[in-house]
Amino acid sequence: MYHHPETILLLANETRRTLIAQADRERLLRSVRRSRRPRRAERGPARAGAPAGTLAPCAPTAVPAR
């Protein structure tokens, strides 16, 4: 059917490698952008009475009514 099936196979493999390399680049750039984004922007603004850290207290604390 084709005069040079080896050439067709080489072109297909090259295209496949190019697509894989492009996907790897995009994945790497996405992770770099995500890591450079400010952490506070992901969580939203701080609330009054909310813990500042990521660890929860062992026992619930009573907050006096205002």
N, C-alpha and C. Protein backbone atom coordinates (compact mmCIF):
# COMPACT_ATOMS: atom_id res chain seq x y z
N MET A 1 0.83 -1.17 0.00
CA MET A 1 0.00 0.00 0.00
C MET A 1 0.89 1.25 0.00
N TYR A 2 1.78 1.39 1.00
CA TYR A 2 2.70 2.51 1.02
C TYR A 2 4.02 2.06 0.42
N HIS A 3 4.69 3.01 -0.20
CA HIS A 3 5.98 2.68 -0.80
C HIS A 3 7.06 2.53 0.26
N HIS A 4 6.97 3.31 1.33
CA HIS A 4 7.98 3.28 2.37
C HIS A 4 7.31 3.20 3.74
N PRO A 5 6.93 2.01 4.16
CA PRO A 5 6.27 1.89 5.47
C PRO A 5 7.19 2.27 6.64
N GLU A 6 8.50 2.13 6.48
CA GLU A 6 9.42 2.52 7.54
C GLU A 6 9.35 4.03 7.79
N THR A 7 9.22 4.80 6.71
CA THR A 7 9.13 6.25 6.84
C THR A 7 7.86 6.65 7.57
N ILE A 8 6.75 6.00 7.24
CA ILE A 8 5.48 6.28 7.91
C ILE A 8 5.60 5.96 9.40
N LEU A 9 6.25 4.84 9.73
CA LEU A 9 6.43 4.46 11.12
C LEU A 9 7.31 5.47 11.85
N LEU A 10 8.37 5.93 11.21
CA LEU A 10 9.24 6.94 11.81
C LEU A 10 8.47 8.24 12.08
N LEU A 11 7.66 8.68 11.13
CA LEU A 11 6.88 9.90 11.31
C LEU A 11 5.86 9.75 12.45
N ALA A 12 5.24 8.59 12.53
CA ALA A 12 4.26 8.35 13.59
C ALA A 12 4.95 8.37 14.96
N ASN A 13 6.10 7.73 15.06
CA ASN A 13 6.83 7.71 16.34
C ASN A 13 7.31 9.10 16.72
N GLU A 14 7.77 9.87 15.76
CA GLU A 14 8.24 11.23 16.04
C GLU A 14 7.08 12.10 16.52
N THR A 15 5.93 11.98 15.88
CA THR A 15 4.75 12.75 16.29
C THR A 15 4.33 12.36 17.70
N ARG A 16 4.37 11.06 17.99
CA ARG A 16 4.01 10.58 19.33
C ARG A 16 4.95 11.15 20.38
N ARG A 17 6.25 11.12 20.12
CA ARG A 17 7.23 11.67 21.07
C ARG A 17 7.03 13.17 21.26
N THR A 18 6.70 13.88 20.18
CA THR A 18 6.46 15.32 20.27
C THR A 18 5.24 15.62 21.14
N LEU A 19 4.18 14.86 20.96
CA LEU A 19 2.98 15.06 21.76
C LEU A 19 3.22 14.75 23.24
N ILE A 20 3.98 13.71 23.52
CA ILE A 20 4.29 13.36 24.90
C ILE A 20 5.14 14.45 25.54
N ALA A 21 6.13 14.96 24.81
CA ALA A 21 6.99 16.03 25.33
C ALA A 21 6.18 17.30 25.60
N GLN A 22 5.24 17.62 24.73
CA GLN A 22 4.40 18.80 24.92
C GLN A 22 3.52 18.64 26.16
N ALA A 23 2.95 17.46 26.34
CA ALA A 23 2.11 17.22 27.52
C ALA A 23 2.95 17.31 28.80
N ASP A 24 4.18 16.80 28.77
CA ASP A 24 5.06 16.91 29.94
C ASP A 24 5.38 18.36 30.26
N ARG A 25 5.65 19.16 29.24
CA ARG A 25 5.94 20.59 29.44
C ARG A 25 4.74 21.29 30.07
N GLU A 26 3.55 21.03 29.54
CA GLU A 26 2.34 21.67 30.07
C GLU A 26 2.10 21.26 31.51
N ARG A 27 2.31 19.99 31.84
CA ARG A 27 2.12 19.51 33.20
C ARG A 27 3.12 20.17 34.15
N LEU A 28 4.37 20.31 33.71
CA LEU A 28 5.39 20.95 34.53
C LEU A 28 5.06 22.43 34.75
N LEU A 29 4.67 23.13 33.70
CA LEU A 29 4.33 24.55 33.84
C LEU A 29 3.13 24.74 34.76
N ARG A 30 2.14 23.86 34.66
CA ARG A 30 0.96 23.97 35.50
C ARG A 30 1.34 23.78 36.97
N SER A 31 2.21 22.83 37.25
CA SER A 31 2.60 22.62 38.65
C SER A 31 3.43 23.78 39.17
N VAL A 32 4.27 24.39 38.33
CA VAL A 32 5.06 25.54 38.77
C VAL A 32 4.15 26.72 39.05
N ARG A 33 3.19 26.97 38.17
CA ARG A 33 2.25 28.08 38.39
C ARG A 33 1.46 27.87 39.67
N ARG A 34 1.04 26.62 39.91
CA ARG A 34 0.25 26.32 41.10
C ARG A 34 1.09 26.53 42.36
N SER A 35 2.37 26.18 42.31
CA SER A 35 3.21 26.34 43.50
C SER A 35 3.59 27.79 43.75
N ARG A 36 3.61 28.61 42.74
CA ARG A 36 3.95 30.02 42.91
C ARG A 36 2.76 30.87 43.32
N ARG A 37 1.57 30.35 43.20
CA ARG A 37 0.36 31.09 43.58
C ARG A 37 0.37 31.31 45.08
N PRO A 38 -0.01 32.48 45.52
CA PRO A 38 -0.03 32.73 46.97
C PRO A 38 -0.98 31.77 47.67
N ARG A 39 -0.55 31.23 48.79
CA ARG A 39 -1.36 30.26 49.52
C ARG A 39 -2.64 30.87 50.09
N ARG A 40 -2.57 32.13 50.54
CA ARG A 40 -3.75 32.76 51.14
C ARG A 40 -4.86 32.92 50.11
N ALA A 41 -4.52 33.14 48.86
CA ALA A 41 -5.54 33.31 47.83
C ALA A 41 -6.34 32.03 47.63
N GLU A 42 -5.74 30.89 47.87
CA GLU A 42 -6.46 29.63 47.71
C GLU A 42 -7.46 29.42 48.84
N ARG A 43 -7.10 29.87 50.06
CA ARG A 43 -7.98 29.65 51.20
C ARG A 43 -9.04 30.71 51.35
N GLY A 44 -8.82 31.87 50.80
CA GLY A 44 -9.76 32.95 50.96
C GLY A 44 -9.36 33.83 52.12
N PRO A 45 -10.14 34.86 52.42
CA PRO A 45 -9.79 35.78 53.52
C PRO A 45 -9.91 35.09 54.86
N ALA A 46 -9.12 35.56 55.82
CA ALA A 46 -9.16 35.00 57.17
C ALA A 46 -10.44 35.44 57.87
N ARG A 47 -10.99 34.55 58.70
CA ARG A 47 -12.21 34.86 59.45
C ARG A 47 -11.86 35.07 60.91
N ALA A 48 -12.63 35.90 61.58
CA ALA A 48 -12.42 36.12 63.01
C ALA A 48 -12.85 34.87 63.76
N GLY A 49 -12.01 34.40 64.67
CA GLY A 49 -12.34 33.22 65.47
C GLY A 49 -11.93 31.92 64.82
N ALA A 50 -11.44 31.98 63.61
CA ALA A 50 -10.99 30.76 62.94
C ALA A 50 -9.51 30.54 63.25
N PRO A 51 -9.09 29.29 63.40
CA PRO A 51 -7.67 29.04 63.67
C PRO A 51 -6.82 29.50 62.49
N ALA A 52 -5.63 30.03 62.80
CA ALA A 52 -4.77 30.56 61.76
C ALA A 52 -4.00 29.46 61.05
N GLY A 53 -3.72 28.36 61.75
CA GLY A 53 -2.92 27.28 61.17
C GLY A 53 -3.78 26.23 60.52
N THR A 54 -3.14 25.13 60.12
CA THR A 54 -3.87 24.04 59.49
C THR A 54 -4.20 22.93 60.48
N LEU A 55 -3.67 23.01 61.72
CA LEU A 55 -3.93 21.98 62.71
C LEU A 55 -5.15 22.36 63.54
N ALA A 56 -6.03 21.40 63.75
CA ALA A 56 -7.21 21.64 64.56
C ALA A 56 -6.87 21.38 66.02
N PRO A 57 -7.52 22.06 66.94
CA PRO A 57 -7.26 21.81 68.35
C PRO A 57 -7.77 20.44 68.76
N CYS A 58 -7.24 19.91 69.86
CA CYS A 58 -7.64 18.58 70.33
C CYS A 58 -9.05 18.58 70.86
N ALA A 59 -9.42 19.65 71.57
CA ALA A 59 -10.76 19.73 72.14
C ALA A 59 -11.41 21.01 71.64
N PRO A 60 -12.72 21.01 71.52
CA PRO A 60 -13.38 22.24 71.06
C PRO A 60 -13.19 23.36 72.09
N THR A 61 -13.02 24.55 71.63
CA THR A 61 -12.83 25.68 72.53
C THR A 61 -14.10 26.49 72.60
N ALA A 62 -14.38 27.04 73.76
CA ALA A 62 -15.56 27.88 73.94
C ALA A 62 -15.17 29.32 73.64
N VAL A 63 -15.88 29.92 72.73
CA VAL A 63 -15.64 31.33 72.37
C VAL A 63 -16.71 32.14 73.08
N PRO A 64 -16.32 33.13 73.89
CA PRO A 64 -17.34 33.92 74.59
C PRO A 64 -18.21 34.70 73.60
N ALA A 65 -19.49 34.83 73.96
CA ALA A 65 -20.42 35.59 73.11
C ALA A 65 -20.08 37.06 73.19
N ARG A 66 -20.29 37.76 72.16
CA ARG A 66 -19.97 39.20 72.12
C ARG A 66 -21.18 40.03 72.40
